[in-house]
PDB file of N, CA and C in Angstrom:
ATOM      1  N   MET A   1     134.231  17.777 -78.599  1.00  0.00           N
ATOM      2  CA  MET A   1     134.927  16.634 -79.161  1.00  0.00           C
ATOM      3  C   MET A   1     134.597  16.466 -80.644  1.00  0.00           C
ATOM      4  N   LYS A   2     133.332  16.669 -81.020  1.00  0.00           N
ATOM      5  CA  LYS A   2     132.934  16.540 -82.417  1.00  0.00           C
ATOM      6  C   LYS A   2     133.627  17.593 -83.275  1.00  0.00           C
ATOM      7  N   LYS A   3     133.789  18.794 -82.708  1.00  0.00           N
ATOM      8  CA  LYS A   3     134.451  19.865 -83.455  1.00  0.00           C
ATOM      9  C   LYS A   3     135.913  19.509 -83.725  1.00  0.00           C
ATOM     10  N   LEU A   4     136.570  18.915 -82.746  1.00  0.00           N
ATOM     11  CA  LEU A   4     137.965  18.515 -82.901  1.00  0.00           C
ATOM     12  C   LEU A   4     138.110  17.444 -83.978  1.00  0.00           C
ATOM     13  N   LEU A   5     137.247  16.448 -83.959  1.00  0.00           N
ATOM     14  CA  LEU A   5     137.288  15.400 -84.975  1.00  0.00           C
ATOM     15  C   LEU A   5     137.027  15.970 -86.362  1.00  0.00           C
ATOM     16  N   PHE A   6     136.085  16.903 -86.451  1.00  0.00           N
ATOM     17  CA  PHE A   6     135.774  17.536 -87.727  1.00  0.00           C
ATOM     18  C   PHE A   6     136.990  18.314 -88.235  1.00  0.00           C
ATOM     19  N   LEU A   7     137.666  19.043 -87.355  1.00  0.00           N
ATOM     20  CA  LEU A   7     138.850  19.807 -87.732  1.00  0.00           C
ATOM     21  C   LEU A   7     139.968  18.877 -88.213  1.00  0.00           C
ATOM     22  N   ILE A   8     140.184  17.780 -87.522  1.00  0.00           N
ATOM     23  CA  ILE A   8     141.207  16.815 -87.925  1.00  0.00           C
ATOM     24  C   ILE A   8     140.867  16.242 -89.300  1.00  0.00           C
ATOM     25  N   LEU A   9     139.621  15.927 -89.531  1.00  0.00           N
ATOM     26  CA  LEU A   9     139.195  15.391 -90.816  1.00  0.00           C
ATOM     27  C   LEU A   9     139.460  16.386 -91.939  1.00  0.00           C
ATOM     28  N   ILE A  10     139.168  17.656 -91.701  1.00  0.00           N
ATOM     29  CA  ILE A  10     139.406  18.695 -92.710  1.00  0.00           C
ATOM     30  C   ILE A  10     140.898  18.799 -93.022  1.00  0.00           C
ATOM     31  N   VAL A  11     141.743  18.768 -92.013  1.00  0.00           N
ATOM     32  CA  VAL A  11     143.181  18.868 -92.217  1.00  0.00           C
ATOM     33  C   VAL A  11     143.693  17.666 -93.019  1.00  0.00           C
ATOM     34  N   VAL A  12     143.243  16.471 -92.696  1.00  0.00           N
ATOM     35  CA  VAL A  12     143.673  15.267 -93.408  1.00  0.00           C
ATOM     36  C   VAL A  12     143.241  15.325 -94.866  1.00  0.00           C
ATOM     37  N   ILE A  13     142.017  15.709 -95.127  1.00  0.00           N
ATOM     38  CA  ILE A  13     141.525  15.803 -96.504  1.00  0.00           C
ATOM     39  C   ILE A  13     142.308  16.869 -97.262  1.00  0.00           C
ATOM     40  N   SER A  14     142.560  17.991 -96.630  1.00  0.00           N
ATOM     41  CA  SER A  14     143.299  19.077 -97.264  1.00  0.00           C
ATOM     42  C   SER A  14     144.710  18.638 -97.629  1.00  0.00           C
ATOM     43  N   CYS A  15     145.388  17.958 -96.717  1.00  0.00           N
ATOM     44  CA  CYS A  15     146.747  17.481 -96.989  1.00  0.00           C
ATOM     45  C   CYS A  15     146.752  16.456 -98.112  1.00  0.00           C
ATOM     46  N   SER A  16     145.763  15.590 -98.144  1.00  0.00           N
ATOM     47  CA  SER A  16     145.677  14.588 -99.207  1.00  0.00           C
ATOM     48  C   SER A  16     145.510  15.248-100.562  1.00  0.00           C
ATOM     49  N   LYS A  17     144.675  16.276-100.636  1.00  0.00           N
ATOM     50  CA  LYS A  17     144.470  16.981-101.903  1.00  0.00           C
ATOM     51  C   LYS A  17     145.734  17.697-102.326  1.00  0.00           C
ATOM     52  N   ASP A  18     146.458  18.304-101.374  1.00  0.00           N
ATOM     53  CA  ASP A  18     147.702  18.984-101.696  1.00  0.00           C
ATOM     54  C   ASP A  18     148.707  17.999-102.275  1.00  0.00           C
ATOM     55  N   LYS A  19     148.821  16.815-101.697  1.00  0.00           N
ATOM     56  CA  LYS A  19     149.753  15.810-102.197  1.00  0.00           C
ATOM     57  C   LYS A  19     149.364  15.370-103.594  1.00  0.00           C
ATOM     58  N   GLU A  20     148.063  15.155-103.831  1.00  0.00           N
ATOM     59  CA  GLU A  20     147.611  14.764-105.160  1.00  0.00           C
ATOM     60  C   GLU A  20     147.958  15.838-106.179  1.00  0.00           C
ATOM     61  N   ASN A  21     147.704  17.099-105.844  1.00  0.00           N
ATOM     62  CA  ASN A  21     148.014  18.190-106.762  1.00  0.00           C
ATOM     63  C   ASN A  21     149.512  18.300-106.978  1.00  0.00           C
ATOM     64  N   ASN A  22     150.290  18.107-105.916  1.00  0.00           N
ATOM     65  CA  ASN A  22     151.739  18.174-106.037  1.00  0.00           C
ATOM     66  C   ASN A  22     152.244  17.064-106.940  1.00  0.00           C
ATOM     67  N   ASP A  23     151.751  15.847-106.752  1.00  0.00           N
ATOM     68  CA  ASP A  23     152.155  14.726-107.594  1.00  0.00           C
ATOM     69  C   ASP A  23     151.752  14.970-109.044  1.00  0.00           C
ATOM     70  N   GLU A  24     150.572  15.541-109.234  1.00  0.00           N
ATOM     71  CA  GLU A  24     150.074  15.792-110.582  1.00  0.00           C
ATOM     72  C   GLU A  24     150.994  16.760-111.331  1.00  0.00           C
ATOM     73  N   ASN A  25     151.523  17.755-110.648  1.00  0.00           N
ATOM     74  CA  ASN A  25     152.403  18.741-111.264  1.00  0.00           C
ATOM     75  C   ASN A  25     153.859  18.303-111.258  1.00  0.00           C
ATOM     76  N   CYS A  26     154.174  17.280-110.532  1.00  0.00           N
ATOM     77  CA  CYS A  26     155.552  16.865-110.315  1.00  0.00           C
ATOM     78  C   CYS A  26     155.956  15.653-111.149  1.00  0.00           C
ATOM     79  N   ILE A  27     155.018  14.785-111.418  1.00  0.00           N
ATOM     80  CA  ILE A  27     155.319  13.527-112.103  1.00  0.00           C
ATOM     81  C   ILE A  27     154.881  13.592-113.567  1.00  0.00           C
ATOM     82  N   ASP A  28     155.788  13.195-114.445  1.00  0.00           N
ATOM     83  CA  ASP A  28     155.481  13.085-115.863  1.00  0.00           C
ATOM     84  C   ASP A  28     155.691  11.624-116.248  1.00  0.00           C
ATOM     85  N   GLU A  29     154.601  10.897-116.376  1.00  0.00           N
ATOM     86  CA  GLU A  29     154.686   9.458-116.635  1.00  0.00           C
ATOM     87  C   GLU A  29     155.381   9.142-117.954  1.00  0.00           C
ATOM     88  N   SER A  30     155.432  10.101-118.874  1.00  0.00           N
ATOM     89  CA  SER A  30     156.113   9.842-120.152  1.00  0.00           C
ATOM     90  C   SER A  30     157.632   9.738-119.970  1.00  0.00           C
ATOM     91  N   LEU A  31     158.161  10.192-118.825  1.00  0.00           N
ATOM     92  CA  LEU A  31     159.595  10.095-118.549  1.00  0.00           C
ATOM     93  C   LEU A  31     159.989   8.707-118.044  1.00  0.00           C
ATOM     94  N   ILE A  32     159.024   7.937-117.571  1.00  0.00           N
ATOM     95  CA  ILE A  32     159.300   6.640-116.964  1.00  0.00           C
ATOM     96  C   ILE A  32     159.679   5.616-118.039  1.00  0.00           C
ATOM     97  N   ASP A  33     160.804   4.945-117.798  1.00  0.00           N
ATOM     98  CA  ASP A  33     161.278   3.900-118.706  1.00  0.00           C
ATOM     99  C   ASP A  33     161.861   2.766-117.870  1.00  0.00           C
ATOM    100  N   ASN A  34     161.012   1.813-117.534  1.00  0.00           N
ATOM    101  CA  ASN A  34     161.434   0.697-116.677  1.00  0.00           C
ATOM    102  C   ASN A  34     162.376  -0.283-117.363  1.00  0.00           C
ATOM    103  N   THR A  35     162.651  -0.077-118.647  1.00  0.00           N
ATOM    104  CA  THR A  35     163.596  -0.944-119.348  1.00  0.00           C
ATOM    105  C   THR A  35     165.015  -0.392-119.302  1.00  0.00           C
ATOM    106  N   SER A  36     165.174   0.818-118.777  1.00  0.00           N
ATOM    107  CA  SER A  36     166.498   1.445-118.669  1.00  0.00           C
ATOM    108  C   SER A  36     167.221   0.956-117.426  1.00  0.00           C
ATOM    109  N   ALA A  37     168.453   1.386-117.301  1.00  0.00           N
ATOM    110  CA  ALA A  37     169.257   1.058-116.119  1.00  0.00           C
ATOM    111  C   ALA A  37     169.839   2.347-115.550  1.00  0.00           C
ATOM    112  N   CYS A  38     170.020   2.369-114.253  1.00  0.00           N
ATOM    113  CA  CYS A  38     170.630   3.519-113.584  1.00  0.00           C
ATOM    114  C   CYS A  38     171.895   3.076-112.867  1.00  0.00           C
ATOM    115  N   ILE A  39     172.836   3.972-112.755  1.00  0.00           N
ATOM    116  CA  ILE A  39     174.075   3.698-112.037  1.00  0.00           C
ATOM    117  C   ILE A  39     173.751   3.511-110.547  1.00  0.00           C
ATOM    118  N   GLU A  40     174.433   2.612-109.902  1.00  0.00           N
ATOM    119  CA  GLU A  40     174.158   2.283-108.503  1.00  0.00           C
ATOM    120  C   GLU A  40     175.055   3.090-107.552  1.00  0.00           C
ATOM    121  N   ILE A  41     175.049   4.387-107.711  1.00  0.00           N
ATOM    122  CA  ILE A  41     175.793   5.280-106.816  1.00  0.00           C
ATOM    123  C   ILE A  41     174.777   6.071-106.012  1.00  0.00           C
ATOM    124  N   TYR A  42     174.943   6.053-104.677  1.00  0.00           N
ATOM    125  CA  TYR A  42     174.023   6.775-103.815  1.00  0.00           C
ATOM    126  C   TYR A  42     174.399   8.249-103.791  1.00  0.00           C
ATOM    127  N   ASP A  43     173.574   9.047-104.411  1.00  0.00           N
ATOM    128  CA  ASP A  43     173.730  10.501-104.471  1.00  0.00           C
ATOM    129  C   ASP A  43     172.318  11.064-104.383  1.00  0.00           C
ATOM    130  N   PRO A  44     171.723  11.056-103.172  1.00  0.00           N
ATOM    131  CA  PRO A  44     170.294  11.299-103.006  1.00  0.00           C
ATOM    132  C   PRO A  44     169.811  12.648-103.538  1.00  0.00           C
ATOM    133  N   VAL A  45     168.578  12.607-104.035  1.00  0.00           N
ATOM    134  CA  VAL A  45     167.886  13.824-104.465  1.00  0.00           C
ATOM    135  C   VAL A  45     166.503  13.815-103.843  1.00  0.00           C
ATOM    136  N   CYS A  46     165.980  15.003-103.593  1.00  0.00           N
ATOM    137  CA  CYS A  46     164.639  15.165-103.041  1.00  0.00           C
ATOM    138  C   CYS A  46     163.708  15.576-104.174  1.00  0.00           C
ATOM    139  N   GLY A  47     162.798  14.688-104.525  1.00  0.00           N
ATOM    140  CA  GLY A  47     161.846  14.977-105.593  1.00  0.00           C
ATOM    141  C   GLY A  47     160.853  16.047-105.187  1.00  0.00           C
ATOM    142  N   CYS A  48     160.277  16.705-106.184  1.00  0.00           N
ATOM    143  CA  CYS A  48     159.277  17.741-105.929  1.00  0.00           C
ATOM    144  C   CYS A  48     158.051  17.176-105.215  1.00  0.00           C
ATOM    145  N   ASN A  49     157.929  15.856-105.159  1.00  0.00           N
ATOM    146  CA  ASN A  49     156.837  15.215-104.435  1.00  0.00           C
ATOM    147  C   ASN A  49     157.203  14.877-102.989  1.00  0.00           C
ATOM    148  N   GLY A  50     158.395  15.306-102.548  1.00  0.00           N
ATOM    149  CA  GLY A  50     158.801  15.099-101.163  1.00  0.00           C
ATOM    150  C   GLY A  50     159.367  13.724-100.867  1.00  0.00           C
ATOM    151  N   ILE A  51     159.702  12.968-101.889  1.00  0.00           N
ATOM    152  CA  ILE A  51     160.269  11.632-101.715  1.00  0.00           C
ATOM    153  C   ILE A  51     161.752  11.668-102.055  1.00  0.00           C
ATOM    154  N   THR A  52     162.572  11.012-101.217  1.00  0.00           N
ATOM    155  CA  THR A  52     164.009  10.924-101.478  1.00  0.00           C
ATOM    156  C   THR A  52     164.274   9.742-102.398  1.00  0.00           C
ATOM    157  N   TYR A  53     165.048   9.987-103.455  1.00  0.00           N
ATOM    158  CA  TYR A  53     165.436   8.957-104.410  1.00  0.00           C
ATOM    159  C   TYR A  53     166.937   8.743-104.309  1.00  0.00           C
ATOM    160  N   PRO A  54     167.427   7.538-104.615  1.00  0.00           N
ATOM    161  CA  PRO A  54     168.858   7.240-104.473  1.00  0.00           C
ATOM    162  C   PRO A  54     169.751   8.135-105.330  1.00  0.00           C
ATOM    163  N   ASN A  55     169.270   8.542-106.495  1.00  0.00           N
ATOM    164  CA  ASN A  55     170.002   9.474-107.356  1.00  0.00           C
ATOM    165  C   ASN A  55     169.034  10.033-108.394  1.00  0.00           C
ATOM    166  N   SER A  56     169.496  10.981-109.174  1.00  0.00           N
ATOM    167  CA  SER A  56     168.616  11.649-110.135  1.00  0.00           C
ATOM    168  C   SER A  56     168.098  10.697-111.208  1.00  0.00           C
ATOM    169  N   CYS A  57     168.892   9.723-111.580  1.00  0.00           N
ATOM    170  CA  CYS A  57     168.449   8.753-112.583  1.00  0.00           C
ATOM    171  C   CYS A  57     167.219   7.999-112.096  1.00  0.00           C
ATOM    172  N   TYR A  58     167.249   7.529-110.853  1.00  0.00           N
ATOM    173  CA  TYR A  58     166.097   6.823-110.300  1.00  0.00           C
ATOM    174  C   TYR A  58     164.877   7.742-110.247  1.00  0.00           C
ATOM    175  N   ALA A  59     165.090   8.988-109.880  1.00  0.00           N
ATOM    176  CA  ALA A  59     163.977   9.935-109.783  1.00  0.00           C
ATOM    177  C   ALA A  59     163.302  10.123-111.137  1.00  0.00           C
ATOM    178  N   ILE A  60     164.107  10.358-112.163  1.00  0.00           N
ATOM    179  CA  ILE A  60     163.552  10.650-113.484  1.00  0.00           C
ATOM    180  C   ILE A  60     163.122   9.371-114.203  1.00  0.00           C
ATOM    181  N   THR A  61     164.052   8.441-114.370  1.00  0.00           N
ATOM    182  CA  THR A  61     163.836   7.278-115.228  1.00  0.00           C
ATOM    183  C   THR A  61     162.790   6.312-114.701  1.00  0.00           C
ATOM    184  N   PHE A  62     162.815   6.024-113.410  1.00  0.00           N
ATOM    185  CA  PHE A  62     161.892   5.027-112.873  1.00  0.00           C
ATOM    186  C   PHE A  62     160.653   5.630-112.219  1.00  0.00           C
ATOM    187  N   ASN A  63     160.678   6.950-111.954  1.00  0.00           N
ATOM    188  CA  ASN A  63     159.553   7.559-111.248  1.00  0.00           C
ATOM    189  C   ASN A  63     158.954   8.769-111.943  1.00  0.00           C
ATOM    190  N   GLY A  64     159.575   9.275-112.984  1.00  0.00           N
ATOM    191  CA  GLY A  64     159.016  10.379-113.761  1.00  0.00           C
ATOM    192  C   GLY A  64     159.024  11.722-113.072  1.00  0.00           C
ATOM    193  N   VAL A  65     159.903  11.891-112.092  1.00  0.00           N
ATOM    194  CA  VAL A  65     159.976  13.154-111.354  1.00  0.00           C
ATOM    195  C   VAL A  65     160.520  14.250-112.271  1.00  0.00           C
ATOM    196  N   LYS A  66     159.785  15.359-112.365  1.00  0.00           N
ATOM    197  CA  LYS A  66     160.178  16.435-113.273  1.00  0.00           C
ATOM    198  C   LYS A  66     161.213  17.374-112.681  1.00  0.00           C
ATOM    199  N   SER A  67     161.236  17.527-111.357  1.00  0.00           N
ATOM    200  CA  SER A  67     162.242  18.399-110.735  1.00  0.00           C
ATOM    201  C   SER A  67     162.600  17.874-109.353  1.00  0.00           C
ATOM    202  N   PHE A  68     163.813  18.203-108.933  1.00  0.00           N
ATOM    203  CA  PHE A  68     164.305  17.726-107.640  1.00  0.00           C
ATOM    204  C   PHE A  68     165.439  18.630-107.194  1.00  0.00           C
ATOM    205  N   THR A  69     165.803  18.492-105.921  1.00  0.00           N
ATOM    206  CA  THR A  69     166.943  19.211-105.379  1.00  0.00           C
ATOM    207  C   THR A  69     167.951  18.182-104.880  1.00  0.00           C
ATOM    208  N   LYS A  70     169.207  18.565-104.874  1.00  0.00           N
ATOM    209  CA  LYS A  70     170.275  17.681-104.423  1.00  0.00           C
ATOM    210  C   LYS A  70     170.156  17.463-102.916  1.00  0.00           C
ATOM    211  N   GLY A  71     170.327  16.234-102.490  1.00  0.00           N
ATOM    212  CA  GLY A  71     170.234  15.902-101.071  1.00  0.00           C
ATOM    213  C   GLY A  71     168.916  15.241-100.724  1.00  0.00           C
ATOM    214  N   ALA A  72     168.901  14.564 -99.577  1.00  0.00           N
ATOM    215  CA  ALA A  72     167.703  13.878 -99.103  1.00  0.00           C
ATOM    216  C   ALA A  72     166.653  14.872 -98.644  1.00  0.00           C
ATOM    217  N   CYS A  73     165.402  14.464 -98.719  1.00  0.00           N
ATOM    218  CA  CYS A  73     164.304  15.295 -98.217  1.00  0.00           C
ATOM    219  C   CYS A  73     164.360  15.334 -96.688  1.00  0.00           C
ATOM    220  N   ASP A  74     163.820  16.377 -96.124  1.00  0.00           N
ATOM    221  CA  ASP A  74     163.750  16.501 -94.657  1.00  0.00           C
ATOM    222  C   ASP A  74     162.767  15.530 -94.068  1.00  0.00           C
TER     223      ASP A  74
END
């Protein structure tokens, strides 16, 4: 039982580090401009951080996402 808990802990820590590294390479805070406005058309994009945004403007302007693909994330 202790081995199983230890394995689960390692997997959780590993996934957390991967997400942090992914966010670090994916988000550019200098792109964020909360004073801008985005068009209110739903045309979802999947950010490189695995988050679905309503459209590319929201991804870049309000969240600083550097790259994305068209369509919602899985």
